Protein backbone atom coordinates (compact mmCIF):
# COMPACT_ATOMS: atom_id res chain seq x y z
CA MET A 1 8.13 43.09 46.86
CA ASP A 2 7.27 40.06 44.67
CA ALA A 3 4.83 40.36 41.85
CA PRO A 4 1.54 38.49 42.32
CA GLY A 5 2.44 36.08 39.57
CA ASP A 6 5.72 35.20 41.25
CA SER A 7 4.07 34.59 44.64
CA ARG A 8 1.56 32.19 43.02
CA ARG A 9 4.48 30.23 41.58
CA GLY A 10 5.88 30.04 45.08
CA GLY A 11 8.96 32.21 44.41
CA ASN A 12 9.74 34.73 47.20
CA ASP A 13 13.56 34.74 47.05
CA GLY A 14 13.77 36.90 43.97
CA ASP A 15 15.84 34.42 41.90
CA GLY A 16 12.95 32.35 40.51
CA SER A 17 14.59 29.04 41.43
CA VAL A 18 11.64 27.81 43.47
CA GLY A 19 9.20 28.74 40.70
CA VAL A 20 11.19 26.73 38.17
CA GLN A 21 11.29 23.74 40.49
CA ILE A 22 7.51 23.78 40.95
CA ARG A 23 6.89 23.98 37.21
CA GLN A 24 9.16 20.96 36.74
CA THR A 25 7.26 18.97 39.35
CA ARG A 26 4.05 19.66 37.43
CA ILE A 27 5.56 18.43 34.17
CA LEU A 28 7.31 15.40 35.63
CA PRO A 29 4.18 13.43 36.67
CA ASP A 30 2.68 13.87 33.20
CA PHE A 31 5.89 12.59 31.61
CA LEU A 32 6.09 9.63 34.00
CA GLN A 33 2.44 8.84 33.39
CA SER A 34 2.93 8.76 29.60
CA VAL A 35 6.04 6.58 29.98
CA ASN A 36 4.21 4.24 32.35
CA LEU A 37 1.26 3.92 29.95
CA LYS A 38 3.65 3.16 27.12
CA TYR A 39 5.33 0.34 29.04
CA VAL A 40 2.03 -0.97 30.37
CA LYS A 41 0.73 -1.24 26.81
CA LEU A 42 3.93 -2.92 25.63
CA GLY A 43 3.68 -5.38 28.52
CA TYR A 44 0.04 -6.05 27.71
CA HIS A 45 0.85 -6.77 24.05
CA TYR A 46 3.70 -9.07 25.04
CA VAL A 47 1.58 -11.07 27.49
CA ILE A 48 -1.38 -11.46 25.12
CA SER A 49 0.78 -12.25 22.10
CA ASN A 50 2.63 -14.95 24.07
CA LEU A 51 -0.34 -16.14 26.10
CA LEU A 52 -0.31 -19.66 24.68
CA ALA A 53 3.39 -20.07 25.42
CA LEU A 54 2.94 -18.71 28.93
CA CYS A 55 0.07 -21.13 29.56
CA LEU A 56 1.98 -24.10 28.18
CA LEU A 57 5.11 -23.33 30.18
CA PRO A 58 3.79 -24.81 33.51
CA LEU A 59 2.56 -27.86 31.60
CA ALA A 60 5.98 -28.31 30.02
CA VAL A 61 7.60 -28.05 33.46
CA VAL A 62 5.27 -30.72 34.88
CA ILE A 63 5.93 -33.05 31.94
CA SER A 64 9.67 -32.54 32.30
CA VAL A 65 9.54 -33.37 36.00
CA GLU A 66 7.47 -36.50 35.36
CA ALA A 67 9.79 -37.58 32.54
CA SER A 68 12.84 -37.19 34.76
CA GLN A 69 11.25 -39.57 37.27
CA THR A 70 10.46 -42.25 34.67
CA ASN A 71 12.44 -45.50 34.98
CA PRO A 72 13.05 -48.30 32.40
CA GLU A 73 10.26 -50.44 33.86
CA ASP A 74 7.69 -47.70 33.13
CA LEU A 75 8.87 -47.49 29.51
CA ARG A 76 8.58 -51.29 29.16
CA GLN A 77 4.98 -51.18 30.38
CA VAL A 78 4.13 -48.46 27.84
CA TRP A 79 5.60 -50.57 25.01
CA ILE A 80 3.56 -53.64 26.08
CA HIS A 81 0.41 -51.51 26.16
CA LEU A 82 1.06 -50.25 22.63
CA GLN A 83 1.53 -53.83 21.37
CA TYR A 84 -1.92 -54.81 22.60
CA ASN A 85 -3.46 -51.75 20.81
CA LEU A 86 -1.57 -52.07 17.52
CA VAL A 87 -4.74 -51.99 15.37
CA SER A 88 -5.94 -48.75 16.95
CA ILE A 89 -2.55 -47.14 16.43
CA ILE A 90 -2.48 -48.15 12.74
CA VAL A 91 -6.01 -46.83 12.16
CA CYS A 92 -5.25 -43.52 13.86
CA SER A 93 -2.01 -43.14 11.89
CA ALA A 94 -3.81 -43.86 8.60
CA VAL A 95 -6.49 -41.27 9.38
CA LEU A 96 -3.82 -38.72 10.28
CA VAL A 97 -1.86 -39.35 7.07
CA PHE A 98 -5.03 -39.17 4.97
CA GLY A 99 -6.06 -35.88 6.59
CA LEU A 100 -2.64 -34.34 6.03
CA THR A 101 -2.67 -35.49 2.41
CA VAL A 102 -6.08 -33.92 1.78
CA TYR A 103 -4.94 -30.68 3.41
CA VAL A 104 -1.76 -30.47 1.33
CA MET A 105 -3.60 -31.26 -1.92
CA THR A 106 -6.48 -28.79 -1.39
CA ARG A 107 -4.80 -25.82 0.31
CA PRO A 108 -4.33 -22.70 -1.86
CA ARG A 109 -0.90 -22.51 -3.40
CA PRO A 110 1.09 -19.48 -2.31
CA VAL A 111 1.47 -16.62 -4.78
CA TYR A 112 4.98 -15.20 -4.99
CA LEU A 113 6.10 -11.82 -6.26
CA VAL A 114 9.28 -12.70 -8.15
CA ASP A 115 10.16 -9.11 -9.04
CA PHE A 116 8.66 -5.85 -10.27
CA SER A 117 9.83 -2.84 -12.26
CA CYS A 118 8.75 0.78 -12.64
CA HIS A 119 9.11 2.89 -15.76
CA LEU A 120 11.54 5.80 -15.61
CA PRO A 121 10.78 8.31 -18.41
CA PRO A 122 13.65 10.11 -20.17
CA ASP A 123 14.87 13.44 -18.75
CA HIS A 124 13.54 15.53 -21.62
CA LEU A 125 9.99 14.75 -20.42
CA LYS A 126 10.54 16.39 -17.03
CA VAL A 127 8.15 19.22 -16.29
CA PRO A 128 9.26 21.79 -13.67
CA VAL A 129 6.52 23.96 -12.22
CA SER A 130 7.71 26.97 -14.23
CA ARG A 131 7.42 25.07 -17.51
CA PHE A 132 4.03 23.69 -16.54
CA MET A 133 2.67 27.17 -15.87
CA ASN A 134 4.32 28.64 -18.96
CA HIS A 135 2.76 26.03 -21.24
CA SER A 136 -0.62 26.37 -19.54
CA THR A 137 -0.50 30.10 -20.23
CA LEU A 138 0.62 29.73 -23.85
CA THR A 139 -2.17 27.31 -24.78
CA GLY A 140 -4.68 30.14 -24.31
CA ASP A 141 -7.32 27.77 -22.93
CA PHE A 142 -7.19 28.92 -19.30
CA ASP A 143 -8.33 32.25 -17.86
CA GLU A 144 -6.37 34.12 -15.19
CA SER A 145 -8.42 32.65 -12.37
CA SER A 146 -7.74 29.08 -13.54
CA LEU A 147 -4.03 29.76 -13.99
CA GLU A 148 -3.75 31.17 -10.49
CA PHE A 149 -5.71 28.21 -9.13
CA GLN A 150 -3.31 25.76 -10.79
CA ARG A 151 -0.32 27.69 -9.47
CA LYS A 152 -1.62 27.45 -5.89
CA ILE A 153 -2.41 23.75 -6.25
CA LEU A 154 1.11 23.04 -7.50
CA GLU A 155 2.70 25.03 -4.67
CA ARG A 156 0.82 22.99 -2.06
CA SER A 157 0.68 19.64 -3.86
CA GLY A 158 3.97 18.12 -2.66
CA LEU A 159 5.17 17.57 -6.25
CA GLY A 160 8.80 18.38 -7.03
CA GLU A 161 10.55 19.71 -10.11
CA ASP A 162 11.38 16.33 -11.69
CA THR A 163 7.98 14.80 -12.50
CA TYR A 164 7.13 13.80 -16.08
CA LEU A 165 4.48 14.55 -18.68
CA PRO A 166 4.10 12.73 -22.03
CA GLU A 167 5.75 13.98 -25.20
CA ALA A 168 2.52 15.39 -26.63
CA MET A 169 2.09 17.77 -23.68
CA HIS A 170 5.51 19.37 -24.21
CA HIS A 171 4.37 21.05 -27.42
CA VAL A 172 2.44 24.30 -27.72
CA PRO A 173 -0.30 23.67 -28.53
CA PRO A 174 -0.29 20.06 -27.22
CA ARG A 175 -0.26 17.47 -30.02
CA ILE A 176 -3.15 15.35 -28.82
CA SER A 177 -4.08 12.38 -30.99
CA MET A 178 -4.79 8.67 -30.81
CA ALA A 179 -1.31 7.99 -32.19
CA ALA A 180 0.31 10.12 -29.45
CA ALA A 181 -1.72 8.35 -26.76
CA ARG A 182 -0.67 4.96 -28.12
CA GLU A 183 2.95 6.11 -28.15
CA GLU A 184 2.73 7.13 -24.48
CA ALA A 185 1.19 3.78 -23.53
CA GLU A 186 3.83 1.84 -25.45
CA GLN A 187 6.74 3.76 -23.92
CA VAL A 188 5.48 3.22 -20.38
CA MET A 189 4.32 -0.41 -20.64
CA PHE A 190 7.16 -1.68 -22.81
CA GLY A 191 9.73 0.24 -20.77
CA ALA A 192 8.59 -1.44 -17.54
CA LEU A 193 8.25 -4.89 -19.16
CA ASP A 194 11.68 -4.78 -20.83
CA LYS A 195 13.30 -4.18 -17.43
CA LEU A 196 11.18 -6.88 -15.77
CA PHE A 197 12.09 -9.56 -18.31
CA ALA A 198 15.76 -8.53 -18.23
CA ASN A 199 15.97 -8.65 -14.42
CA THR A 200 14.10 -11.95 -13.97
CA GLY A 201 15.32 -13.87 -17.02
CA VAL A 202 11.77 -15.09 -17.64
CA LYS A 203 10.94 -15.64 -21.29
CA ALA A 204 7.86 -13.95 -22.69
CA LYS A 205 6.43 -17.28 -23.87
CA ASP A 206 6.49 -18.58 -20.26
CA ILE A 207 3.81 -16.06 -19.27
CA GLY A 208 0.43 -17.74 -18.89
CA ILE A 209 -1.63 -14.86 -17.49
CA LEU A 210 -1.59 -11.15 -18.39
CA VAL A 211 -3.59 -8.44 -16.60
CA VAL A 212 -3.39 -4.79 -17.70
CA ASN A 213 -5.15 -1.90 -16.00
CA CYS A 214 -5.55 1.63 -17.35
CA SER A 215 -8.61 3.70 -16.51
CA LEU A 216 -8.94 6.38 -19.17
CA PHE A 217 -7.34 4.99 -22.32
CA ASN A 218 -8.90 1.85 -23.76
CA PRO A 219 -8.21 1.61 -27.49
CA THR A 220 -9.03 -1.23 -29.87
CA PRO A 221 -7.08 -3.51 -29.99
CA SER A 222 -6.67 -3.35 -26.23
CA LEU A 223 -3.54 -2.50 -24.28
CA SER A 224 -3.15 -6.16 -23.33
CA ALA A 225 -3.30 -7.06 -27.04
CA MET A 226 -0.55 -4.51 -27.71
CA ILE A 227 1.66 -6.34 -25.19
CA VAL A 228 0.82 -9.75 -26.67
CA ASN A 229 1.78 -8.44 -30.11
CA LYS A 230 4.97 -6.75 -28.95
CA TYR A 231 6.41 -9.73 -27.04
CA LYS A 232 4.80 -12.47 -29.15
CA LEU A 233 3.14 -14.09 -26.15
CA ARG A 234 1.73 -17.57 -26.61
CA GLY A 235 -1.64 -18.13 -28.23
CA ASN A 236 -3.39 -19.63 -25.21
CA ILE A 237 -2.47 -16.79 -22.84
CA ARG A 238 -5.28 -15.65 -20.56
CA SER A 239 -5.27 -11.87 -20.97
CA TYR A 240 -7.45 -9.26 -19.29
CA ASN A 241 -7.77 -5.51 -19.76
CA LEU A 242 -9.27 -3.52 -16.84
CA GLY A 243 -10.58 -0.04 -17.61
CA GLY A 244 -12.28 2.77 -15.71
CA MET A 245 -11.40 1.41 -12.27
CA GLY A 246 -9.31 4.33 -11.03
CA CYS A 247 -6.13 4.54 -9.02
CA SER A 248 -6.90 1.41 -6.97
CA ALA A 249 -6.99 -0.81 -10.06
CA GLY A 250 -3.43 -2.01 -9.48
CA VAL A 251 -4.53 -3.97 -6.40
CA ILE A 252 -7.61 -5.22 -8.29
CA ALA A 253 -5.33 -6.48 -11.07
CA VAL A 254 -3.15 -8.30 -8.51
CA ASP A 255 -6.26 -9.87 -6.99
CA LEU A 256 -7.44 -11.07 -10.41
CA ALA A 257 -4.01 -12.49 -11.19
CA LYS A 258 -3.96 -14.24 -7.82
CA ASP A 259 -7.34 -15.88 -8.49
CA MET A 260 -6.14 -17.04 -11.89
CA LEU A 261 -2.93 -18.47 -10.41
CA LEU A 262 -4.97 -20.48 -7.90
CA VAL A 263 -6.80 -22.13 -10.81
CA HIS A 264 -4.01 -22.47 -13.37
CA ARG A 265 -1.01 -24.08 -11.74
CA ASN A 266 2.69 -23.95 -12.51
CA THR A 267 2.66 -20.69 -14.45
CA TYR A 268 3.56 -17.00 -14.37
CA ALA A 269 1.30 -13.96 -14.30
CA VAL A 270 2.27 -10.43 -15.33
CA VAL A 271 0.37 -7.40 -14.02
CA VAL A 272 0.88 -4.08 -15.83
CA SER A 273 -0.49 -0.90 -14.21
CA THR A 274 -0.47 2.49 -15.90
CA GLU A 275 -2.51 5.57 -16.78
CA ASN A 276 -2.63 7.67 -19.92
CA ILE A 277 -2.48 11.46 -19.84
CA THR A 278 -2.26 12.44 -23.51
CA GLN A 279 -5.96 12.22 -24.37
CA ASN A 280 -7.24 13.05 -20.90
CA TRP A 281 -5.88 16.54 -20.25
CA TYR A 282 -8.56 19.05 -19.29
CA PHE A 283 -8.54 22.36 -21.21
CA GLY A 284 -11.42 24.10 -19.44
CA ASN A 285 -11.82 26.41 -16.47
CA LYS A 286 -13.88 24.35 -14.03
CA LYS A 287 -11.68 24.21 -10.95
CA ALA A 288 -12.85 20.81 -9.73
CA MET A 289 -11.65 19.39 -13.05
CA LEU A 290 -8.30 21.22 -13.07
CA ILE A 291 -6.86 19.38 -10.07
CA PRO A 292 -5.97 16.17 -12.01
CA ASN A 293 -3.92 18.29 -14.44
CA CYS A 294 -1.78 19.43 -11.52
CA LEU A 295 -1.32 16.04 -9.85
CA PHE A 296 -1.22 13.27 -12.45
CA ARG A 297 2.07 12.40 -14.13
CA VAL A 298 3.55 9.70 -16.38
CA GLY A 299 4.35 6.36 -14.75
CA GLY A 300 3.74 2.64 -14.93
CA SER A 301 4.76 -0.68 -13.39
CA ALA A 302 5.07 -4.34 -14.30
CA VAL A 303 4.87 -7.11 -11.70
CA LEU A 304 5.80 -10.78 -12.16
CA LEU A 305 3.82 -13.24 -10.02
CA SER A 306 4.34 -16.99 -9.79
CA ASN A 307 2.71 -20.03 -8.20
CA LYS A 308 5.71 -22.29 -8.81
CA GLY A 309 7.20 -23.70 -5.63
CA ARG A 310 10.73 -23.51 -7.00
CA ASP A 311 10.39 -19.73 -7.42
CA LYS A 312 10.15 -19.17 -3.66
CA ARG A 313 13.94 -19.00 -3.30
CA ARG A 314 14.37 -16.13 -5.73
CA SER A 315 11.10 -14.29 -5.06
CA LYS A 316 10.97 -11.09 -3.06
CA TYR A 317 7.54 -11.37 -1.43
CA ARG A 318 4.62 -13.67 -0.76
CA LEU A 319 1.08 -12.35 -1.13
CA SER A 320 -0.71 -12.68 2.21
CA HIS A 321 -4.05 -10.89 1.78
CA VAL A 322 -6.08 -8.78 -0.61
CA VAL A 323 -9.08 -6.89 0.77
CA ARG A 324 -11.34 -4.89 -1.53
CA THR A 325 -14.04 -2.39 -0.54
CA HIS A 326 -16.53 -0.90 -3.01
CA ARG A 327 -18.98 1.87 -2.06
CA GLY A 328 -20.53 2.33 -5.48
CA ALA A 329 -24.01 1.75 -4.07
CA ASP A 330 -23.80 5.18 -2.39
CA ASP A 331 -24.56 8.00 -4.84
CA LYS A 332 -22.15 10.50 -3.30
CA ALA A 333 -19.32 7.96 -3.27
CA PHE A 334 -20.11 6.96 -6.84
CA ARG A 335 -19.85 10.54 -8.13
CA CYS A 336 -16.97 11.88 -6.02
CA VAL A 337 -14.49 11.06 -8.83
CA TYR A 338 -16.45 11.46 -12.05
CA GLN A 339 -15.50 11.87 -15.69
CA GLU A 340 -17.84 14.34 -17.40
CA GLN A 341 -18.09 17.36 -19.67
CA ASP A 342 -18.17 20.90 -18.34
CA ASP A 343 -20.58 23.62 -19.53
CA THR A 344 -18.46 24.23 -22.63
CA GLY A 345 -18.39 20.57 -23.63
CA ARG A 346 -14.79 19.90 -22.56
CA THR A 347 -14.16 16.51 -20.96
CA GLY A 348 -12.29 16.01 -17.71
CA VAL A 349 -12.37 14.23 -14.36
CA SER A 350 -14.15 16.12 -11.59
CA LEU A 351 -13.10 15.69 -7.95
CA SER A 352 -15.78 16.31 -5.33
CA LYS A 353 -15.17 18.39 -2.19
CA GLU A 354 -16.45 15.40 -0.21
CA LEU A 355 -13.71 13.16 -1.59
CA MET A 356 -11.57 13.02 1.57
CA ALA A 357 -14.54 12.31 3.84
CA ILE A 358 -15.70 9.52 1.55
CA ALA A 359 -12.16 8.13 1.34
CA GLY A 360 -11.97 8.09 5.15
CA ASP A 361 -15.27 6.20 5.50
CA THR A 362 -14.23 3.71 2.83
CA LEU A 363 -10.89 3.16 4.55
CA LYS A 364 -12.68 2.40 7.84
CA THR A 365 -14.77 -0.26 6.10
CA ASN A 366 -11.68 -1.74 4.51
CA ILE A 367 -9.64 -1.96 7.69
CA THR A 368 -12.61 -3.45 9.55
CA THR A 369 -12.23 -6.45 7.25
CA LEU A 370 -8.44 -6.35 7.11
CA GLY A 371 -7.86 -5.89 10.85
CA PRO A 372 -8.83 -9.41 12.02
CA LEU A 373 -6.57 -10.88 9.32
CA VAL A 374 -3.40 -9.01 10.28
CA LEU A 375 -3.65 -7.46 13.75
CA PRO A 376 -2.26 -9.29 16.78
CA ILE A 377 -4.89 -10.70 19.14
CA SER A 378 -4.00 -8.07 21.75
CA GLU A 379 -5.18 -5.26 19.44
CA GLN A 380 -8.31 -7.15 18.46
CA ILE A 381 -9.27 -7.58 22.13
CA LEU A 382 -8.82 -3.85 22.83
CA PHE A 383 -10.89 -2.94 19.77
CA PHE A 384 -13.66 -5.38 20.72
CA MET A 385 -13.78 -4.26 24.37
CA THR A 386 -14.00 -0.60 23.34
CA LEU A 387 -16.83 -1.45 20.95
CA VAL A 388 -18.73 -3.29 23.70
CA VAL A 389 -18.29 -0.41 26.16
CA LYS A 390 -19.43 2.08 23.53
CA LYS A 391 -22.56 0.07 22.74
CA LEU A 392 -23.59 -0.83 26.28
CA PHE A 393 -22.57 2.06 28.48
CA ASN A 394 -21.63 5.28 26.76
CA GLY A 395 -22.23 6.17 23.14
CA LYS A 396 -19.76 9.06 23.43
CA VAL A 397 -16.76 6.82 24.05
CA LYS A 398 -14.21 7.31 21.29
CA PRO A 399 -13.67 4.17 19.20
CA TYR A 400 -10.30 2.53 19.71
CA ILE A 401 -8.03 2.94 16.69
CA PRO A 402 -5.99 -0.25 16.29
CA ASP A 403 -2.25 0.18 16.12
CA PHE A 404 -1.46 -1.10 12.63
CA LYS A 405 2.22 -0.48 13.29
CA LEU A 406 2.10 -3.76 15.23
CA ALA A 407 0.92 -5.55 12.08
CA PHE A 408 3.11 -3.87 9.43
CA GLU A 409 6.65 -2.59 9.20
CA HIS A 410 6.07 -0.67 5.96
CA PHE A 411 3.20 1.32 4.44
CA CYS A 412 2.68 2.12 0.75
CA ILE A 413 -0.12 4.67 0.70
CA HIS A 414 -1.31 5.66 -2.75
CA ALA A 415 0.39 8.95 -3.61
CA GLY A 416 -2.83 10.56 -4.77
CA GLY A 417 -1.95 13.90 -3.23
CA ARG A 418 -0.67 15.51 -0.07
CA ALA A 419 -4.14 15.55 1.52
CA VAL A 420 -4.55 11.77 1.07
CA ILE A 421 -1.22 11.04 2.75
CA ASP A 422 -1.86 13.55 5.55
CA GLU A 423 -5.27 12.06 6.27
CA LEU A 424 -4.01 8.49 6.52
CA GLU A 425 -0.99 9.50 8.58
CA LYS A 426 -3.36 11.13 11.06
CA ASN A 427 -6.10 8.48 11.10
CA LEU A 428 -3.74 5.51 11.35
CA GLN A 429 -1.45 7.34 13.82
CA LEU A 430 1.62 6.75 11.69
CA SER A 431 5.02 8.35 12.13
CA PRO A 432 6.73 10.44 9.42
CA VAL A 433 9.01 7.53 8.50
CA HIS A 434 5.99 5.33 7.78
CA VAL A 435 4.68 7.77 5.15
CA GLU A 436 8.10 8.77 3.87
CA ALA A 437 7.91 6.47 0.82
CA SER A 438 4.54 7.95 -0.17
CA ARG A 439 5.61 11.58 0.25
CA MET A 440 8.89 11.09 -1.60
CA THR A 441 7.17 9.24 -4.45
CA LEU A 442 4.68 12.08 -4.79
CA HIS A 443 7.57 14.56 -4.81
CA ARG A 444 9.70 12.69 -7.35
CA PHE A 445 7.10 11.18 -9.70
CA GLY A 446 3.76 12.83 -8.86
CA ASN A 447 0.51 10.87 -8.88
CA THR A 448 1.18 7.99 -11.27
CA SER A 449 -2.24 6.50 -10.50
CA SER A 450 -2.38 2.74 -9.88
CA SER A 451 1.38 2.29 -10.23
CA SER A 452 2.29 4.69 -7.41
CA ILE A 453 2.30 1.95 -4.74
CA TRP A 454 5.05 0.16 -6.69
CA TYR A 455 7.24 3.26 -6.90
CA GLU A 456 6.82 3.48 -3.12
CA LEU A 457 7.82 -0.14 -2.60
CA ALA A 458 10.85 0.48 -4.83
CA TYR A 459 11.77 3.43 -2.58
CA ILE A 460 11.71 1.26 0.54
CA GLU A 461 13.92 -1.30 -1.19
CA ALA A 462 16.32 1.37 -2.44
CA LYS A 463 16.71 2.62 1.13
CA GLY A 464 17.66 -0.91 2.24
CA ARG A 465 14.87 -1.10 4.80
CA MET A 466 13.14 -4.31 3.67
CA ARG A 467 14.17 -7.22 5.89
CA ARG A 468 13.15 -10.87 5.85
CA GLY A 469 9.72 -11.33 7.48
CA ASN A 470 8.76 -7.64 7.13
CA ARG A 471 5.14 -7.02 6.16
CA VAL A 472 4.03 -4.36 3.68
CA TRP A 473 0.58 -2.79 3.45
CA GLN A 474 -0.30 -1.31 0.07
CA ILE A 475 -3.37 0.97 0.26
CA ALA A 476 -4.99 2.44 -2.84
CA PHE A 477 -8.10 4.53 -3.48
CA GLY A 478 -10.00 4.79 -6.75
CA SER A 479 -13.13 6.03 -8.46
CA GLY A 480 -16.32 4.16 -7.81
CA PHE A 481 -15.52 4.70 -4.85
CA LYS A 482 -13.04 1.96 -3.86
CA CYS A 483 -10.40 1.31 -1.23
CA ASN A 484 -8.24 -1.76 -1.81
CA SER A 485 -5.47 -3.27 0.29
CA ALA A 486 -2.73 -5.77 -0.52
CA VAL A 487 -0.48 -7.29 2.14
CA TRP A 488 2.93 -8.76 1.27
CA GLU A 489 5.53 -10.56 3.37
CA ALA A 490 9.21 -10.27 2.51
CA LEU A 491 10.84 -13.66 1.93
CA ARG A 492 14.39 -12.32 2.31
CA ASN A 493 16.37 -9.16 2.88
CA VAL A 494 15.31 -7.40 -0.31
CA LYS A 495 17.77 -5.40 -2.35
CA PRO A 496 16.66 -3.00 -5.08
CA SER A 497 16.43 -4.46 -8.57
CA LYS A 498 18.72 -3.31 -11.34
CA ASP A 499 17.55 -0.10 -13.04
CA SER A 500 15.33 0.88 -10.13
CA PRO A 501 13.52 4.20 -10.72
CA TRP A 502 15.32 5.55 -7.63
CA GLU A 503 18.77 4.36 -8.68
CA ASP A 504 20.07 7.79 -9.74
CA CYS A 505 18.53 9.88 -6.96
CA ILE A 506 17.93 7.83 -3.80
CA ASP A 507 20.85 9.51 -2.00
CA LYS A 508 19.03 12.86 -2.30
CA TYR A 509 16.00 11.57 -0.41
CA PRO A 510 14.22 12.17 1.84
CA VAL A 511 13.97 15.86 1.06
CA THR A 512 12.46 18.52 3.29
CA LEU A 513 9.06 19.52 1.98
CA SER A 514 7.68 23.03 2.37
CA TYR A 515 4.04 23.72 1.58
């Protein structure tokens, strides 16, 4: 006698074959439905994206048919008609030439990314988790609860065993001083710049614009002045030093350099992005202020931009868009990443529990502006129609999330931490390969602040994935609270530059991460 469960599955022969068949027929329609929806959406995107061509095709057919029926007498009549309207033709041609001239003279000149470099610290500055915890214990500044908290953060952070801390932090007790902080800044900035000048062949005196960003270390003379002094840059260089702008300052620096290149023609701009750890380590026991100790590591980048037309051939990318979002007017957003003193007077950067929610809201605002600039018209129509339905008929309708994979081939998400990458992967519906560069950068180098997006771009290049015409979306978050985006288009099949930070280890990646 069959069990009740078997009879409900339809199996009364005792071998279960009928039951299996029925379960398959239940699964099959769902599979076919998902496949059909996939192809329907692909067909929709193809039709909308090629709508103009599809509309012009019948017109082209009609013109071709009419042209095939034209005889020499018809052509002679057209020529006679043009002779009688010679003045009108000349006037129209002059207006057309004048309009084209004005357009060419007034249009913004393209900004090219000639090359970039990332600093690779020496091996003796590597800090495995065991050494990090050992030094934290030996300093005597952290209680047992704080040490255990840091250990758990490190285990779940996504950082590997080969990240770097500055020389001063490798001593017990740490040798923190202004001189040590300057030494860290010089090693990082000059290391990246030396490689950049060597790879591009550009002379230091050819640089007309210099932008440096570093949030927490702003000595006098400034970091930009240190670079001017080191490389003996020319006296009329336009130099800028951005401070306190957080991990998104790298995109802000690129935006400033772009604006300067639009005004000052036929020149180069160098953007240097870094952060300084030596004088900004937290030695207290407030947990919200201990997280940066666990995540931030040594790193820096140097980027060479140009507005010279002749540099297009050798440049890697062209800057397409920069979109900046600032939510500083909101008090919670303003204080979610906040440098302050704890109850014992020790200074550090506090991270709010609301940080991820605020980052998500800021990202939505940013992509609302970016979307119309980069998304295909098919995605914009779907987004608009969903918005109309939601407003007019049912407030509970879920908003349509545009498929940014149709706009970009590569994503460089700021490697601020595992939670940041997870959140964007989920919200933007990205695949693991799209966030691979971010996860591997976090694993290999940690959170290098504003320069992390350049380590990620170097990873994509090292993997040989950057093809001509590919578009890259760099997304960075920073204190204030800010979300900034930069969009680049590859001008050629990009190969990694000499002395890439991934040169000695790219074959080991991607690695399997366990949290």
